[in-house]
Amino acid sequence: MKVTEHPMFIKAAVAAVASAVLLSGCVYRRETVPAASPTTTTVVVPPASTSVQRVYTYPEGRYQLYGSGTADSPYYWVWVPAGAVAPTPPPLPR
């Protein structure tokens, strides 16, 4: 009888293969697709020489534009309910 046909050799070979499979762990490969970049928003600021409409009136109230559109005083909108007096704008955060 050859060594490869011996029952102990076969058991040892099966045990070696089984332990190699168990100790190797699972291998899982998945292609990762990068997330789409968010769409960009374009903000159009009219030049200083262009007249800017500063009040938009609705039955419930109005939107009033404050600021001069510069880095020191950017534009911002304030909602003023109907029948209310427009408050003085708060100071800009620094």
Protein backbone atom coordinates (compact mmCIF):
# COMPACT_ATOMS: atom_id res chain seq x y z
CA MET A 1 0.00 0.00 0.00
CA LYS A 2 1.29 3.46 -0.96
CA VAL A 3 1.63 6.30 1.53
CA THR A 4 -1.07 8.34 -0.28
CA GLU A 5 -3.56 5.48 0.11
CA HIS A 6 -2.96 5.09 3.84
CA PRO A 7 -6.09 5.99 5.92
CA MET A 8 -4.10 8.23 8.29
CA PHE A 9 -2.64 10.18 5.38
CA ILE A 10 -6.09 10.76 3.89
CA LYS A 11 -7.49 11.88 7.26
CA ALA A 12 -4.54 14.22 7.79
CA ALA A 13 -4.94 15.69 4.29
CA VAL A 14 -8.68 16.23 4.78
CA ALA A 15 -8.04 17.83 8.19
CA ALA A 16 -5.37 20.12 6.73
CA VAL A 17 -7.63 21.25 3.89
CA ALA A 18 -10.60 21.76 6.25
CA SER A 19 -8.56 23.77 8.74
CA ALA A 20 -7.09 25.88 5.93
CA VAL A 21 -10.61 26.67 4.69
CA LEU A 22 -11.88 27.50 8.18
CA LEU A 23 -8.89 29.64 9.10
CA SER A 24 -8.79 31.55 5.82
CA GLY A 25 -11.98 33.48 6.56
CA CYS A 26 -14.52 34.75 4.11
CA VAL A 27 -13.47 36.80 1.14
CA TYR A 28 -16.04 39.17 -0.28
CA ARG A 29 -15.24 41.72 -2.92
CA ARG A 30 -17.64 44.44 -4.00
CA GLU A 31 -16.95 47.37 -6.26
CA THR A 32 -17.62 50.67 -4.53
CA VAL A 33 -19.07 53.39 -6.70
CA PRO A 34 -18.26 56.91 -5.49
CA ALA A 35 -21.26 59.03 -4.56
CA ALA A 36 -22.35 61.63 -7.06
CA SER A 37 -21.21 65.11 -6.19
CA PRO A 38 -24.00 67.49 -5.24
CA THR A 39 -25.19 69.88 -7.87
CA THR A 40 -23.82 73.36 -7.59
CA THR A 41 -26.10 76.33 -7.06
CA THR A 42 -25.38 79.51 -8.92
CA VAL A 43 -26.21 82.72 -7.10
CA VAL A 44 -26.54 85.78 -9.28
CA VAL A 45 -25.97 89.08 -7.52
CA PRO A 46 -26.77 92.15 -9.59
CA PRO A 47 -24.04 94.77 -9.99
CA ALA A 48 -24.16 97.77 -7.65
CA SER A 49 -25.29 100.07 -10.48
CA THR A 50 -28.43 97.98 -11.12
CA SER A 51 -31.54 98.92 -9.17
CA VAL A 52 -32.51 96.09 -6.82
CA GLN A 53 -36.13 95.56 -5.84
CA ARG A 54 -35.98 95.58 -2.03
CA VAL A 55 -39.64 94.85 -1.14
CA TYR A 56 -41.93 92.05 -2.34
CA THR A 57 -45.46 92.50 -1.00
CA TYR A 58 -48.00 89.71 -0.37
CA PRO A 59 -51.44 89.78 1.31
CA GLU A 60 -49.95 88.19 4.46
CA GLY A 61 -46.97 90.53 4.67
CA ARG A 62 -43.82 91.40 2.77
CA TYR A 63 -40.19 90.39 2.26
CA GLN A 64 -37.75 93.23 2.71
CA LEU A 65 -34.14 93.09 1.49
CA TYR A 66 -31.40 94.46 3.73
CA GLY A 67 -27.69 94.84 3.09
CA SER A 68 -25.68 96.26 0.23
CA GLY A 69 -24.41 93.03 -1.32
CA THR A 70 -20.81 93.47 -0.23
CA ALA A 71 -18.64 91.19 1.90
CA ASP A 72 -19.07 93.59 4.84
CA SER A 73 -22.85 93.89 4.38
CA PRO A 74 -24.27 90.92 2.44
CA TYR A 75 -27.88 90.81 1.24
CA TYR A 76 -30.44 89.11 3.50
CA TRP A 77 -34.22 88.94 3.45
CA VAL A 78 -36.56 89.66 6.38
CA TRP A 79 -40.23 88.59 6.50
CA VAL A 80 -42.48 91.33 7.90
CA PRO A 81 -46.06 90.18 8.66
CA ALA A 82 -48.94 92.40 7.48
CA GLY A 83 -49.80 95.14 9.96
CA ALA A 84 -46.40 95.00 11.68
CA VAL A 85 -43.74 97.65 11.64
CA ALA A 86 -40.45 96.51 10.13
CA PRO A 87 -37.94 95.96 12.92
CA THR A 88 -34.48 97.40 12.75
CA PRO A 89 -32.23 94.75 11.28
CA PRO A 90 -29.95 92.90 13.69
CA PRO A 91 -26.21 93.50 13.45
CA LEU A 92 -24.36 91.14 11.15
CA PRO A 93 -22.28 88.40 12.78
CA ARG A 94 -18.53 88.87 12.49
